[in-house]
Amino acid sequence: MIKRLTRVGNSQALTIDKPILELLGMTADTQVEIQTNGHSLMLTPIKPQTDERRAAVRKAMEEANALLGPVLRELAK
């Protein structure tokens, strides 16, 4: 798909078609991370973490801390 930039005030904007937004699960409120290698752009939608995901990460951190905490404290001395 080829698109053109559109002037918006003193800036340029790129519109993203609805089917692409739906495919990526994006809305007008979705934050995106913009990366470049100097020749191209990559937009990555930032999806908010769910409570379930937060709980899984917290549990994994607690397990790692219980298993490795004493060793890491010794190494830090």
C-alpha atoms as a PDB file:
ATOM      1  CA  MET A   1       0.000   0.000   0.000  1.00  0.00           C
ATOM      2  CA  ILE A   2       1.362   3.426  -0.898  1.00  0.00           C
ATOM      3  CA  LYS A   3       0.254   6.469   1.113  1.00  0.00           C
ATOM      4  CA  ARG A   4       1.023  10.183   1.061  1.00  0.00           C
ATOM      5  CA  LEU A   5       1.645  12.414   4.039  1.00  0.00           C
ATOM      6  CA  THR A   6      -1.025  15.020   4.763  1.00  0.00           C
ATOM      7  CA  ARG A   7      -0.312  18.499   6.110  1.00  0.00           C
ATOM      8  CA  VAL A   8      -1.757  19.121   9.583  1.00  0.00           C
ATOM      9  CA  GLY A   9      -0.791  22.602  10.768  1.00  0.00           C
ATOM     10  CA  ASN A  10       3.004  22.772  10.720  1.00  0.00           C
ATOM     11  CA  SER A  11       3.335  18.973  10.776  1.00  0.00           C
ATOM     12  CA  GLN A  12       2.775  16.058   8.439  1.00  0.00           C
ATOM     13  CA  ALA A  13       0.398  13.185   9.221  1.00  0.00           C
ATOM     14  CA  LEU A  14      -0.066   9.684   7.904  1.00  0.00           C
ATOM     15  CA  THR A  15      -3.570   8.248   7.978  1.00  0.00           C
ATOM     16  CA  ILE A  16      -3.977   4.558   8.727  1.00  0.00           C
ATOM     17  CA  ASP A  17      -6.926   2.856   7.053  1.00  0.00           C
ATOM     18  CA  LYS A  18      -9.617   1.307   9.239  1.00  0.00           C
ATOM     19  CA  PRO A  19      -8.968  -2.324   8.142  1.00  0.00           C
ATOM     20  CA  ILE A  20      -5.323  -2.009   9.219  1.00  0.00           C
ATOM     21  CA  LEU A  21      -6.321  -0.456  12.551  1.00  0.00           C
ATOM     22  CA  GLU A  22      -8.770  -3.310  13.139  1.00  0.00           C
ATOM     23  CA  LEU A  23      -6.169  -5.919  12.183  1.00  0.00           C
ATOM     24  CA  LEU A  24      -3.752  -4.479  14.752  1.00  0.00           C
ATOM     25  CA  GLY A  25      -6.451  -3.919  17.380  1.00  0.00           C
ATOM     26  CA  MET A  26      -5.803  -0.177  17.394  1.00  0.00           C
ATOM     27  CA  THR A  27      -8.139   2.730  18.088  1.00  0.00           C
ATOM     28  CA  ALA A  28      -7.708   6.503  17.991  1.00  0.00           C
ATOM     29  CA  ASP A  29      -6.523   6.288  21.637  1.00  0.00           C
ATOM     30  CA  THR A  30      -3.826   3.656  21.037  1.00  0.00           C
ATOM     31  CA  GLN A  31      -0.302   4.828  21.807  1.00  0.00           C
ATOM     32  CA  VAL A  32       2.388   3.748  19.351  1.00  0.00           C
ATOM     33  CA  GLU A  33       6.133   3.419  19.619  1.00  0.00           C
ATOM     34  CA  ILE A  34       7.944   4.918  16.618  1.00  0.00           C
ATOM     35  CA  GLN A  35      11.352   3.550  15.641  1.00  0.00           C
ATOM     36  CA  THR A  36      13.568   4.346  12.694  1.00  0.00           C
ATOM     37  CA  ASN A  37      16.787   3.051  11.230  1.00  0.00           C
ATOM     38  CA  GLY A  38      17.313   6.264   9.273  1.00  0.00           C
ATOM     39  CA  HIS A  39      15.619   4.886   6.159  1.00  0.00           C
ATOM     40  CA  SER A  40      12.267   3.541   7.307  1.00  0.00           C
ATOM     41  CA  LEU A  41       9.720   3.847  10.121  1.00  0.00           C
ATOM     42  CA  MET A  42       8.246   1.126  12.282  1.00  0.00           C
ATOM     43  CA  LEU A  43       5.083   1.813  14.299  1.00  0.00           C
ATOM     44  CA  THR A  44       4.303  -0.625  17.105  1.00  0.00           C
ATOM     45  CA  PRO A  45       1.025  -0.354  19.029  1.00  0.00           C
ATOM     46  CA  ILE A  46       1.488  -0.261  22.787  1.00  0.00           C
ATOM     47  CA  LYS A  47      -1.188  -2.404  24.344  1.00  0.00           C
ATOM     48  CA  PRO A  48      -2.049  -1.791  27.985  1.00  0.00           C
ATOM     49  CA  GLN A  49      -1.236  -4.638  30.332  1.00  0.00           C
ATOM     50  CA  THR A  50      -4.188  -6.570  31.662  1.00  0.00           C
ATOM     51  CA  ASP A  51      -4.595  -7.360  35.341  1.00  0.00           C
ATOM     52  CA  GLU A  52      -3.956 -11.023  34.473  1.00  0.00           C
ATOM     53  CA  ARG A  53      -0.650 -10.156  32.787  1.00  0.00           C
ATOM     54  CA  ARG A  54       0.412  -7.941  35.701  1.00  0.00           C
ATOM     55  CA  ALA A  55      -0.348 -10.770  38.142  1.00  0.00           C
ATOM     56  CA  ALA A  56       1.681 -13.252  36.056  1.00  0.00           C
ATOM     57  CA  VAL A  57       4.676 -10.896  35.924  1.00  0.00           C
ATOM     58  CA  ARG A  58       4.446 -10.199  39.652  1.00  0.00           C
ATOM     59  CA  LYS A  59       4.309 -13.941  40.427  1.00  0.00           C
ATOM     60  CA  ALA A  60       7.334 -14.635  38.207  1.00  0.00           C
ATOM     61  CA  MET A  61       9.298 -11.841  39.901  1.00  0.00           C
ATOM     62  CA  GLU A  62       8.434 -13.155  43.362  1.00  0.00           C
ATOM     63  CA  GLU A  63       9.476 -16.702  42.398  1.00  0.00           C
ATOM     64  CA  ALA A  64      12.762 -15.476  40.909  1.00  0.00           C
ATOM     65  CA  ASN A  65      13.449 -13.361  43.973  1.00  0.00           C
ATOM     66  CA  ALA A  66      12.722 -16.277  46.311  1.00  0.00           C
ATOM     67  CA  LEU A  67      15.012 -18.567  44.312  1.00  0.00           C
ATOM     68  CA  LEU A  68      17.834 -16.156  43.475  1.00  0.00           C
ATOM     69  CA  GLY A  69      17.509 -13.407  46.085  1.00  0.00           C
ATOM     70  CA  PRO A  70      20.059 -14.805  48.552  1.00  0.00           C
ATOM     71  CA  VAL A  71      22.607 -15.488  45.811  1.00  0.00           C
ATOM     72  CA  LEU A  72      22.158 -12.038  44.302  1.00  0.00           C
ATOM     73  CA  ARG A  73      22.565 -10.405  47.730  1.00  0.00           C
ATOM     74  CA  GLU A  74      25.846 -12.310  48.218  1.00  0.00           C
ATOM     75  CA  LEU A  75      27.095 -11.237  44.797  1.00  0.00           C
ATOM     76  CA  ALA A  76      26.216  -7.623  45.560  1.00  0.00           C
ATOM     77  CA  LYS A  77      28.504  -7.589  48.620  1.00  0.00           C
END
